N, C-alpha and C. Protein backbone atom coordinates (compact mmCIF):
# COMPACT_ATOMS: atom_id res chain seq x y z
N UNK A 1 1.83 61.62 42.74
CA UNK A 1 1.14 60.75 43.51
C UNK A 1 1.32 59.20 43.16
N UNK A 2 1.17 59.03 41.79
CA UNK A 2 1.21 57.69 41.27
C UNK A 2 2.71 57.16 41.39
N UNK A 3 3.62 58.03 41.12
CA UNK A 3 5.16 57.51 41.39
C UNK A 3 5.30 57.16 42.81
N UNK A 4 4.67 57.93 43.82
CA UNK A 4 4.89 57.58 45.12
C UNK A 4 4.12 56.10 45.42
N UNK A 5 3.08 55.96 44.99
CA UNK A 5 2.28 54.62 45.24
C UNK A 5 3.02 53.62 44.47
N UNK A 6 3.57 53.76 43.26
CA UNK A 6 4.39 52.84 42.67
C UNK A 6 5.64 52.41 43.56
N UNK A 7 6.29 53.35 44.04
CA UNK A 7 7.41 52.98 44.98
C UNK A 7 6.88 52.11 46.02
N UNK A 8 6.03 52.43 46.66
CA UNK A 8 5.37 51.56 47.75
C UNK A 8 5.06 50.16 47.34
N UNK A 9 4.35 50.13 46.19
CA UNK A 9 4.16 48.74 45.40
C UNK A 9 5.44 47.92 45.28
N UNK A 10 6.46 48.47 44.68
CA UNK A 10 7.71 47.74 44.45
C UNK A 10 8.57 47.48 45.65
N UNK A 11 8.60 48.31 46.83
CA UNK A 11 9.08 48.23 47.99
C UNK A 11 8.53 47.03 48.84
N UNK A 12 7.18 47.13 48.85
CA UNK A 12 6.47 46.12 49.67
C UNK A 12 6.48 44.65 48.99
N UNK A 13 6.51 44.69 47.66
CA UNK A 13 6.61 43.36 47.00
C UNK A 13 8.03 42.85 46.57
N UNK A 14 8.97 43.75 46.78
CA UNK A 14 10.38 43.30 46.67
C UNK A 14 10.73 43.28 45.19
N UNK A 15 10.10 43.99 44.31
CA UNK A 15 10.40 44.04 42.87
C UNK A 15 11.57 45.08 42.75
N UNK A 16 12.27 45.06 41.56
CA UNK A 16 13.31 45.91 41.19
C UNK A 16 13.02 46.36 39.62
N UNK A 17 13.82 47.42 39.24
CA UNK A 17 13.72 47.90 37.88
C UNK A 17 15.08 47.74 37.16
N UNK A 18 14.68 47.44 35.84
CA UNK A 18 15.79 47.41 34.74
C UNK A 18 15.37 48.64 33.82
N UNK A 19 15.68 49.74 34.18
CA UNK A 19 15.34 50.94 33.35
C UNK A 19 16.32 51.16 32.18
N UNK A 20 15.95 50.33 30.97
CA UNK A 20 16.83 50.52 29.76
C UNK A 20 16.12 51.31 28.71
N UNK A 21 15.05 52.18 28.86
CA UNK A 21 14.51 52.95 27.82
C UNK A 21 15.43 53.66 26.93
N UNK A 22 15.24 53.55 25.72
CA UNK A 22 16.21 54.22 24.66
C UNK A 22 16.18 55.66 24.93
N UNK A 23 17.27 56.22 25.20
CA UNK A 23 17.50 57.75 25.38
C UNK A 23 16.68 58.50 24.28
N UNK A 24 16.09 59.56 24.65
CA UNK A 24 15.35 60.47 23.58
C UNK A 24 14.21 59.82 22.85
N UNK A 25 13.83 58.64 23.05
CA UNK A 25 12.72 58.14 22.34
C UNK A 25 11.46 58.60 22.85
N UNK A 26 10.52 59.11 22.04
CA UNK A 26 9.44 59.77 22.45
C UNK A 26 8.24 59.21 21.99
N UNK A 27 8.29 58.32 20.83
CA UNK A 27 7.20 57.60 20.20
C UNK A 27 7.66 56.23 19.93
N UNK A 28 6.70 55.25 20.37
CA UNK A 28 6.98 53.89 20.15
C UNK A 28 5.71 53.07 20.51
N UNK A 29 5.82 51.86 20.05
CA UNK A 29 4.66 50.76 20.42
C UNK A 29 5.62 49.92 21.41
N UNK A 30 5.02 49.76 22.55
CA UNK A 30 5.62 49.07 23.54
C UNK A 30 4.79 47.88 23.88
N UNK A 31 5.50 46.57 23.60
CA UNK A 31 4.74 45.33 23.84
C UNK A 31 5.18 44.88 25.37
N UNK A 32 4.14 44.58 26.01
CA UNK A 32 4.35 44.14 27.41
C UNK A 32 4.21 42.56 27.40
N UNK A 33 5.32 42.01 27.75
CA UNK A 33 5.44 40.42 27.79
C UNK A 33 6.01 39.86 29.02
N UNK A 34 5.89 38.69 29.26
CA UNK A 34 4.61 37.82 28.92
C UNK A 34 3.49 38.50 29.59
N UNK A 35 2.30 38.11 29.05
CA UNK A 35 1.15 38.55 29.75
C UNK A 35 0.28 37.22 30.16
N UNK A 36 0.55 36.95 31.50
CA UNK A 36 0.00 35.63 32.03
C UNK A 36 -0.97 35.91 33.13
N UNK A 37 -1.12 37.24 33.67
CA UNK A 37 -1.98 37.27 34.83
C UNK A 37 -2.55 38.65 34.85
N UNK A 38 -3.60 38.87 35.60
CA UNK A 38 -4.12 40.12 35.90
C UNK A 38 -3.35 41.00 36.66
N UNK A 39 -2.36 40.51 37.43
CA UNK A 39 -1.37 41.19 38.25
C UNK A 39 -0.39 42.06 37.49
N UNK A 40 -0.26 41.54 36.09
CA UNK A 40 0.74 42.11 35.24
C UNK A 40 0.50 43.82 35.16
N UNK A 41 -0.83 44.17 35.12
CA UNK A 41 -1.06 45.60 34.81
C UNK A 41 -0.54 46.41 36.17
N UNK A 42 -0.75 45.77 37.39
CA UNK A 42 -0.29 46.62 38.48
C UNK A 42 1.20 46.92 38.44
N UNK A 43 1.93 45.65 38.31
CA UNK A 43 3.40 45.84 38.21
C UNK A 43 3.89 46.68 37.02
N UNK A 44 3.32 46.31 35.90
CA UNK A 44 3.74 47.19 34.58
C UNK A 44 3.39 48.60 34.77
N UNK A 45 2.33 48.92 35.15
CA UNK A 45 2.00 50.33 35.45
C UNK A 45 2.80 51.05 36.38
N UNK A 46 3.11 50.27 37.48
CA UNK A 46 3.98 50.99 38.60
C UNK A 46 5.41 51.07 37.95
N UNK A 47 5.89 50.26 37.22
CA UNK A 47 7.22 50.26 36.59
C UNK A 47 7.31 51.44 35.70
N UNK A 48 6.26 51.62 34.89
CA UNK A 48 6.39 52.72 33.90
C UNK A 48 6.22 54.14 34.65
N UNK A 49 5.54 54.19 35.63
CA UNK A 49 5.50 55.34 36.43
C UNK A 49 6.96 55.61 36.99
N UNK A 50 7.60 54.73 37.57
CA UNK A 50 8.89 54.78 38.18
C UNK A 50 9.87 55.15 37.18
N UNK A 51 9.71 54.66 35.95
CA UNK A 51 10.89 54.97 34.96
C UNK A 51 10.40 56.12 34.06
N UNK A 52 9.35 56.86 34.55
CA UNK A 52 8.84 58.22 33.73
C UNK A 52 8.73 57.87 32.26
N UNK A 53 8.16 56.74 32.06
CA UNK A 53 7.83 56.45 30.57
C UNK A 53 6.20 56.75 30.47
N UNK A 54 5.87 57.67 29.59
CA UNK A 54 4.51 58.03 29.60
C UNK A 54 3.68 57.11 28.78
N UNK A 55 3.56 55.87 29.29
CA UNK A 55 2.94 54.77 28.55
C UNK A 55 1.41 54.92 28.66
N UNK A 56 0.77 54.79 27.44
CA UNK A 56 -0.68 54.88 27.42
C UNK A 56 -1.16 53.44 26.91
N UNK A 57 -2.43 53.08 27.09
CA UNK A 57 -3.00 52.01 26.58
C UNK A 57 -4.27 52.38 26.07
N UNK A 58 -4.87 51.68 25.05
CA UNK A 58 -6.07 51.93 24.39
C UNK A 58 -7.29 51.32 24.93
N UNK A 59 -8.43 51.95 24.74
CA UNK A 59 -9.68 51.28 25.17
C UNK A 59 -10.74 52.00 24.43
N UNK A 60 -11.94 51.14 24.36
CA UNK A 60 -12.92 51.76 23.63
C UNK A 60 -13.46 53.08 24.09
N UNK A 61 -13.85 53.93 23.39
CA UNK A 61 -14.24 55.33 23.95
C UNK A 61 -15.54 55.26 24.66
N UNK A 62 -16.24 54.12 24.33
CA UNK A 62 -17.51 54.08 25.12
C UNK A 62 -17.37 53.83 26.59
N UNK A 63 -16.26 53.25 26.94
CA UNK A 63 -15.96 52.89 28.31
C UNK A 63 -15.36 54.10 29.10
N UNK A 64 -14.97 55.12 28.42
CA UNK A 64 -14.28 56.17 29.04
C UNK A 64 -15.16 57.42 29.43
N UNK A 65 -16.19 57.00 30.19
CA UNK A 65 -17.17 57.93 30.52
C UNK A 65 -17.30 57.78 32.31
N UNK A 66 -17.58 59.02 32.78
CA UNK A 66 -17.87 59.09 34.21
C UNK A 66 -16.65 58.78 35.04
N UNK A 67 -16.90 58.36 36.38
CA UNK A 67 -15.75 57.98 37.12
C UNK A 67 -14.74 56.98 36.69
N UNK A 68 -15.38 55.88 36.04
CA UNK A 68 -14.54 54.89 35.36
C UNK A 68 -13.59 55.48 34.56
N UNK A 69 -14.07 56.37 33.60
CA UNK A 69 -13.35 56.86 32.57
C UNK A 69 -12.21 57.80 33.14
N UNK A 70 -12.47 58.44 34.23
CA UNK A 70 -11.45 59.36 34.99
C UNK A 70 -10.39 58.44 35.48
N UNK A 71 -10.76 57.43 36.11
CA UNK A 71 -9.71 56.44 36.78
C UNK A 71 -8.96 55.90 35.62
N UNK A 72 -9.50 55.30 34.55
CA UNK A 72 -8.82 54.86 33.54
C UNK A 72 -7.75 55.76 32.79
N UNK A 73 -8.32 57.11 32.62
CA UNK A 73 -7.34 58.15 31.98
C UNK A 73 -6.34 58.29 33.02
N UNK A 74 -6.49 58.33 34.23
CA UNK A 74 -5.36 58.54 35.19
C UNK A 74 -4.28 57.47 35.19
N UNK A 75 -4.78 56.12 34.85
CA UNK A 75 -3.82 55.03 34.70
C UNK A 75 -3.14 55.03 33.33
N UNK A 76 -3.69 55.88 32.40
CA UNK A 76 -2.88 55.98 31.11
C UNK A 76 -3.85 55.48 29.89
N UNK A 77 -5.15 55.28 30.15
CA UNK A 77 -6.01 54.82 29.01
C UNK A 77 -6.20 56.01 28.03
N UNK A 78 -6.30 55.77 26.89
CA UNK A 78 -6.74 56.74 25.89
C UNK A 78 -7.86 56.09 25.12
N UNK A 79 -8.78 56.82 24.67
CA UNK A 79 -9.89 56.30 23.89
C UNK A 79 -9.72 56.07 22.48
N UNK A 80 -10.11 54.91 22.11
CA UNK A 80 -10.01 54.70 20.61
C UNK A 80 -11.43 55.01 19.99
N UNK A 81 -11.19 55.99 19.00
CA UNK A 81 -12.43 56.45 18.26
C UNK A 81 -12.35 55.97 16.86
N UNK A 82 -12.99 55.00 16.50
CA UNK A 82 -12.99 54.40 15.20
C UNK A 82 -13.69 55.12 14.25
N UNK A 83 -13.38 56.31 14.13
CA UNK A 83 -13.98 57.26 13.03
C UNK A 83 -14.16 56.59 11.66
N UNK A 84 -15.19 56.98 10.90
CA UNK A 84 -15.49 56.55 9.57
C UNK A 84 -14.21 57.12 8.73
N UNK A 85 -13.66 56.18 7.90
CA UNK A 85 -12.58 56.54 7.12
C UNK A 85 -13.32 57.02 5.81
N UNK A 86 -12.53 57.54 4.94
CA UNK A 86 -13.06 58.07 3.68
C UNK A 86 -13.72 56.84 3.01
N UNK A 87 -14.94 56.84 2.40
CA UNK A 87 -15.55 55.72 1.81
C UNK A 87 -16.52 55.12 2.61
N UNK A 88 -16.61 55.56 4.00
CA UNK A 88 -17.68 55.19 4.78
C UNK A 88 -17.39 54.00 5.85
N UNK A 89 -16.31 53.28 5.79
CA UNK A 89 -16.01 52.23 6.65
C UNK A 89 -15.39 52.65 7.88
N UNK A 90 -15.52 51.94 8.96
CA UNK A 90 -14.84 52.40 10.21
C UNK A 90 -13.30 52.03 10.18
N UNK A 91 -12.64 52.75 10.94
CA UNK A 91 -11.05 52.40 10.97
C UNK A 91 -10.97 51.15 11.83
N UNK A 92 -9.88 50.39 11.49
CA UNK A 92 -9.62 49.38 12.57
C UNK A 92 -8.92 49.92 13.67
N UNK A 93 -8.72 48.98 14.72
CA UNK A 93 -8.04 49.61 15.95
C UNK A 93 -6.53 49.98 15.49
N UNK A 94 -5.91 49.05 14.60
CA UNK A 94 -4.59 49.41 14.26
C UNK A 94 -4.59 50.68 13.48
N UNK A 95 -5.43 51.01 12.52
CA UNK A 95 -5.45 52.23 11.85
C UNK A 95 -5.70 53.40 12.68
N UNK A 96 -6.61 53.19 13.86
CA UNK A 96 -6.64 54.36 14.71
C UNK A 96 -5.43 54.59 15.55
N UNK A 97 -4.79 53.64 15.93
CA UNK A 97 -3.48 53.79 16.70
C UNK A 97 -2.43 54.39 15.82
N UNK A 98 -2.32 54.01 14.52
CA UNK A 98 -1.37 54.57 13.61
C UNK A 98 -1.66 56.11 13.56
N UNK A 99 -2.98 56.46 13.47
CA UNK A 99 -3.33 57.91 13.27
C UNK A 99 -2.95 58.65 14.58
N UNK A 100 -3.13 58.03 15.73
CA UNK A 100 -2.95 58.68 17.09
C UNK A 100 -1.25 58.92 16.94
N UNK A 101 -0.62 57.96 16.64
CA UNK A 101 0.97 58.08 16.77
C UNK A 101 1.34 59.18 15.76
N UNK A 102 0.67 59.14 14.55
CA UNK A 102 1.10 60.21 13.46
C UNK A 102 0.72 61.66 14.02
N UNK A 103 -0.41 61.80 14.76
CA UNK A 103 -0.83 63.04 15.18
C UNK A 103 -0.13 63.73 16.27
N UNK A 104 0.79 62.99 17.11
CA UNK A 104 1.31 63.38 18.23
C UNK A 104 2.77 63.54 18.18
N UNK A 105 3.48 64.32 18.96
CA UNK A 105 5.00 64.30 19.02
C UNK A 105 5.56 63.30 20.01
N UNK A 106 4.79 63.09 21.05
CA UNK A 106 5.07 62.06 21.99
C UNK A 106 3.96 61.17 22.32
N UNK A 107 4.19 59.80 22.08
CA UNK A 107 3.20 58.89 22.51
C UNK A 107 3.80 57.46 22.49
N UNK A 108 3.67 56.75 23.59
CA UNK A 108 4.11 55.45 23.71
C UNK A 108 2.82 54.61 23.91
N UNK A 109 2.39 53.75 23.09
CA UNK A 109 1.22 52.88 23.17
C UNK A 109 1.60 51.38 23.65
N UNK A 110 1.06 50.88 24.86
CA UNK A 110 1.38 49.59 25.20
C UNK A 110 0.33 48.62 24.76
N UNK A 111 0.97 47.49 24.18
CA UNK A 111 0.07 46.46 23.64
C UNK A 111 0.54 45.06 24.14
N UNK A 112 -0.36 44.21 24.28
CA UNK A 112 -0.03 42.80 24.63
C UNK A 112 0.00 42.01 23.39
N UNK A 113 1.04 41.45 22.92
CA UNK A 113 1.07 40.75 21.73
C UNK A 113 0.23 39.48 21.65
N UNK A 114 0.10 38.82 22.81
CA UNK A 114 -0.49 37.63 23.03
C UNK A 114 -2.00 37.89 22.81
N UNK A 115 -2.62 38.92 23.18
CA UNK A 115 -3.86 39.24 23.14
C UNK A 115 -4.81 38.58 24.16
N UNK A 116 -4.19 37.92 25.02
CA UNK A 116 -4.88 37.17 26.09
C UNK A 116 -3.86 36.69 27.12
N UNK A 117 -4.39 36.30 28.37
CA UNK A 117 -3.45 35.94 29.49
C UNK A 117 -3.25 34.40 29.20
N UNK A 118 -3.85 33.70 28.39
CA UNK A 118 -3.55 32.48 27.98
C UNK A 118 -2.36 32.25 27.05
N UNK A 119 -1.88 30.91 27.06
CA UNK A 119 -0.63 30.76 26.16
C UNK A 119 -1.30 30.49 24.78
N UNK A 120 -0.55 31.20 23.76
CA UNK A 120 -0.88 31.18 22.42
C UNK A 120 0.26 30.76 21.63
N UNK A 121 -0.08 30.03 20.43
CA UNK A 121 1.04 29.66 19.51
C UNK A 121 1.55 30.69 18.68
N UNK A 122 0.64 31.65 18.41
CA UNK A 122 1.01 32.75 17.45
C UNK A 122 0.54 34.11 18.12
N UNK A 123 1.41 35.17 18.15
CA UNK A 123 1.07 36.54 18.49
C UNK A 123 0.28 37.11 17.46
N UNK A 124 -0.61 38.12 18.13
CA UNK A 124 -1.32 38.90 17.02
C UNK A 124 -0.33 39.94 16.54
N UNK A 125 -0.49 40.21 15.27
CA UNK A 125 0.46 41.23 14.55
C UNK A 125 0.24 42.55 14.48
N UNK A 126 -0.92 43.05 15.10
CA UNK A 126 -1.27 44.42 15.20
C UNK A 126 -0.32 45.36 15.58
N UNK A 127 0.53 44.93 16.70
CA UNK A 127 1.46 45.84 17.12
C UNK A 127 2.60 46.12 16.00
N UNK A 128 2.91 45.17 15.32
CA UNK A 128 3.90 45.16 14.25
C UNK A 128 3.38 46.18 13.18
N UNK A 129 2.19 46.02 12.83
CA UNK A 129 1.68 46.79 11.69
C UNK A 129 1.41 48.33 12.19
N UNK A 130 1.23 48.39 13.43
CA UNK A 130 1.04 49.86 13.97
C UNK A 130 2.46 50.54 13.81
N UNK A 131 3.37 49.77 14.41
CA UNK A 131 4.79 50.33 14.42
C UNK A 131 5.26 50.70 12.96
N UNK A 132 5.04 49.82 12.04
CA UNK A 132 5.48 49.90 10.76
C UNK A 132 4.67 51.06 10.05
N UNK A 133 3.41 51.18 10.22
CA UNK A 133 2.66 52.27 9.66
C UNK A 133 2.93 53.62 10.33
N UNK A 134 3.25 53.64 11.49
CA UNK A 134 3.55 55.00 12.20
C UNK A 134 5.10 55.27 11.92
N UNK A 135 5.91 54.25 11.54
CA UNK A 135 7.33 54.41 11.38
C UNK A 135 8.01 54.73 12.76
N UNK A 136 7.48 54.01 13.85
CA UNK A 136 8.21 54.05 15.15
C UNK A 136 8.68 52.69 15.64
N UNK A 137 9.57 52.52 16.56
CA UNK A 137 10.09 51.34 16.93
C UNK A 137 9.15 50.59 17.93
N UNK A 138 9.49 49.38 17.97
CA UNK A 138 8.75 48.41 18.99
C UNK A 138 9.80 48.32 20.07
N UNK A 139 9.32 48.54 21.34
CA UNK A 139 10.12 48.37 22.43
C UNK A 139 9.48 47.22 23.38
N UNK A 140 10.37 46.39 23.96
CA UNK A 140 9.74 45.35 24.80
C UNK A 140 9.81 45.70 26.21
N UNK A 141 8.75 45.61 26.85
CA UNK A 141 8.51 45.87 28.34
C UNK A 141 8.20 44.48 28.96
N UNK A 142 8.87 44.21 30.09
CA UNK A 142 8.83 42.78 30.52
C UNK A 142 8.55 42.86 32.03
N UNK A 143 8.01 41.83 32.52
CA UNK A 143 7.90 41.41 34.01
C UNK A 143 8.37 39.99 34.08
N UNK A 144 9.38 39.92 34.97
CA UNK A 144 10.01 38.61 35.25
C UNK A 144 9.66 38.29 36.65
N UNK A 145 8.72 37.41 36.86
CA UNK A 145 8.33 37.05 38.28
C UNK A 145 9.30 36.29 38.99
N UNK A 146 10.11 35.50 38.32
CA UNK A 146 11.10 34.83 39.06
C UNK A 146 12.10 35.63 39.60
N UNK A 147 12.49 36.66 38.94
CA UNK A 147 13.52 37.58 39.51
C UNK A 147 13.01 38.71 40.24
N UNK A 148 11.69 38.94 40.02
CA UNK A 148 10.91 40.15 40.51
C UNK A 148 11.39 41.41 39.95
N UNK A 149 11.53 41.36 38.65
CA UNK A 149 12.09 42.49 38.01
C UNK A 149 11.30 42.88 36.86
N UNK A 150 11.07 44.26 36.82
CA UNK A 150 10.31 44.90 35.55
C UNK A 150 11.29 45.71 34.74
N UNK A 151 11.20 45.56 33.55
CA UNK A 151 12.19 46.38 32.64
C UNK A 151 12.00 46.55 31.25
N UNK A 152 12.93 47.11 30.62
CA UNK A 152 12.85 47.25 29.15
C UNK A 152 13.88 46.32 28.56
N UNK A 153 13.45 45.62 27.52
CA UNK A 153 14.27 44.63 26.73
C UNK A 153 14.69 45.37 25.34
N UNK A 154 14.62 44.54 24.41
CA UNK A 154 15.02 45.09 23.02
C UNK A 154 14.17 46.07 22.52
N UNK A 155 14.94 46.86 21.59
CA UNK A 155 14.11 47.74 20.75
C UNK A 155 14.36 47.47 19.26
N UNK A 156 13.40 47.33 18.47
CA UNK A 156 13.76 47.04 17.13
C UNK A 156 12.80 48.03 16.27
N UNK A 157 13.28 48.22 15.15
CA UNK A 157 12.64 49.19 14.06
C UNK A 157 12.00 48.06 13.07
N UNK A 158 10.68 48.12 12.80
CA UNK A 158 10.22 47.23 11.89
C UNK A 158 10.63 47.49 10.47
N UNK A 159 11.05 46.52 9.83
CA UNK A 159 11.62 46.59 8.33
C UNK A 159 10.86 45.79 7.37
N UNK A 160 9.66 45.29 7.89
CA UNK A 160 8.86 44.43 6.85
C UNK A 160 8.97 43.02 6.86
N UNK A 161 10.07 42.61 7.63
CA UNK A 161 10.35 41.11 7.75
C UNK A 161 9.58 40.71 9.15
N UNK A 162 8.30 40.76 8.98
CA UNK A 162 7.64 40.66 10.22
C UNK A 162 7.71 39.32 10.98
N UNK A 163 7.67 38.18 10.32
CA UNK A 163 8.04 36.86 11.04
C UNK A 163 9.34 36.68 11.73
N UNK A 164 10.32 37.17 10.97
CA UNK A 164 11.60 37.14 11.60
C UNK A 164 11.86 38.00 12.73
N UNK A 165 11.24 39.16 12.60
CA UNK A 165 11.42 40.27 13.71
C UNK A 165 10.58 39.81 14.96
N UNK A 166 9.40 39.28 14.68
CA UNK A 166 8.60 38.89 15.92
C UNK A 166 9.18 37.65 16.67
N UNK A 167 9.81 36.71 15.88
CA UNK A 167 10.52 35.75 16.41
C UNK A 167 11.69 36.20 17.18
N UNK A 168 12.37 37.27 16.82
CA UNK A 168 13.56 37.84 17.60
C UNK A 168 12.89 38.30 18.97
N UNK A 169 11.76 38.93 18.93
CA UNK A 169 11.20 39.52 20.10
C UNK A 169 10.73 38.26 21.09
N UNK A 170 10.20 37.15 20.44
CA UNK A 170 9.91 36.13 21.26
C UNK A 170 11.14 35.32 21.93
N UNK A 171 12.13 35.40 21.15
CA UNK A 171 13.46 34.80 21.79
C UNK A 171 13.70 35.46 23.11
N UNK A 172 13.58 36.75 23.16
CA UNK A 172 13.94 37.42 24.31
C UNK A 172 12.87 37.12 25.38
N UNK A 173 11.60 37.05 24.90
CA UNK A 173 10.46 36.81 25.79
C UNK A 173 10.57 35.48 26.41
N UNK A 174 11.24 34.51 25.74
CA UNK A 174 11.37 33.21 26.58
C UNK A 174 12.46 33.14 27.56
N UNK A 175 13.16 34.40 27.80
CA UNK A 175 14.11 34.30 28.85
C UNK A 175 13.48 34.82 30.18
N UNK A 176 12.17 35.31 29.99
CA UNK A 176 11.49 35.92 31.11
C UNK A 176 10.34 35.10 31.61
N UNK A 177 10.22 35.03 32.90
CA UNK A 177 9.27 33.98 33.68
C UNK A 177 7.93 35.00 34.04
N UNK A 178 6.81 34.55 33.35
CA UNK A 178 5.62 35.14 33.82
C UNK A 178 5.02 34.69 35.17
N UNK A 179 4.10 35.35 35.56
CA UNK A 179 3.54 34.87 36.89
C UNK A 179 2.97 33.41 36.82
N UNK A 180 2.47 33.11 35.71
CA UNK A 180 2.08 31.79 35.46
C UNK A 180 2.92 31.20 34.20
N UNK A 181 4.03 30.67 34.60
CA UNK A 181 5.16 30.16 33.55
C UNK A 181 4.64 29.06 32.42
N UNK A 182 3.53 28.50 32.82
CA UNK A 182 2.92 27.56 31.88
C UNK A 182 2.16 28.21 30.81
N UNK A 183 1.88 29.56 30.88
CA UNK A 183 1.37 30.35 29.93
C UNK A 183 2.23 31.17 29.12
N UNK A 184 3.44 30.98 29.32
CA UNK A 184 4.39 31.84 28.76
C UNK A 184 4.53 31.73 27.16
N UNK A 185 5.57 32.26 26.70
CA UNK A 185 5.67 32.41 25.17
C UNK A 185 6.29 31.06 24.59
N UNK A 186 5.74 30.63 23.59
CA UNK A 186 5.93 29.35 23.02
C UNK A 186 7.12 29.68 22.01
């Protein structure tokens, strides 16, 4: 049903796909760039349904109750449960996501590295630490509103050179036009 609705969204809006998902990849951190509009989730979700990429996004477990929880789960939400780690402190979101990736054979978690729809000078680095900690690649998912294209960009394996590798991802991101270009990647 979701794939059918996604086809309609792409057909009506005139969007196309660049399905370049790495063959055989079952676990990854997928960064969605640029994130400049609330409309991004509609096109991104539709694109991932059409490409058969089982993308999930995280949300606080407290929100995942009742009808809203069922809807969010259907869209790919998974609840973050920040269980107490040994020693009594709560896990960070990044630690929880590393744990989720380590416990499953297949999981693609979507993260927006900007952390907001506004323009930022520096990306949040949690996505990098998650991928490094779970020993999975970082894959770029993008929405280019100028071309009306949703697709998959570079795939990198974190090697500990975080600043250099994030800059490499940003270089690609600067070639993509968000819905609000003035909020794009610096």
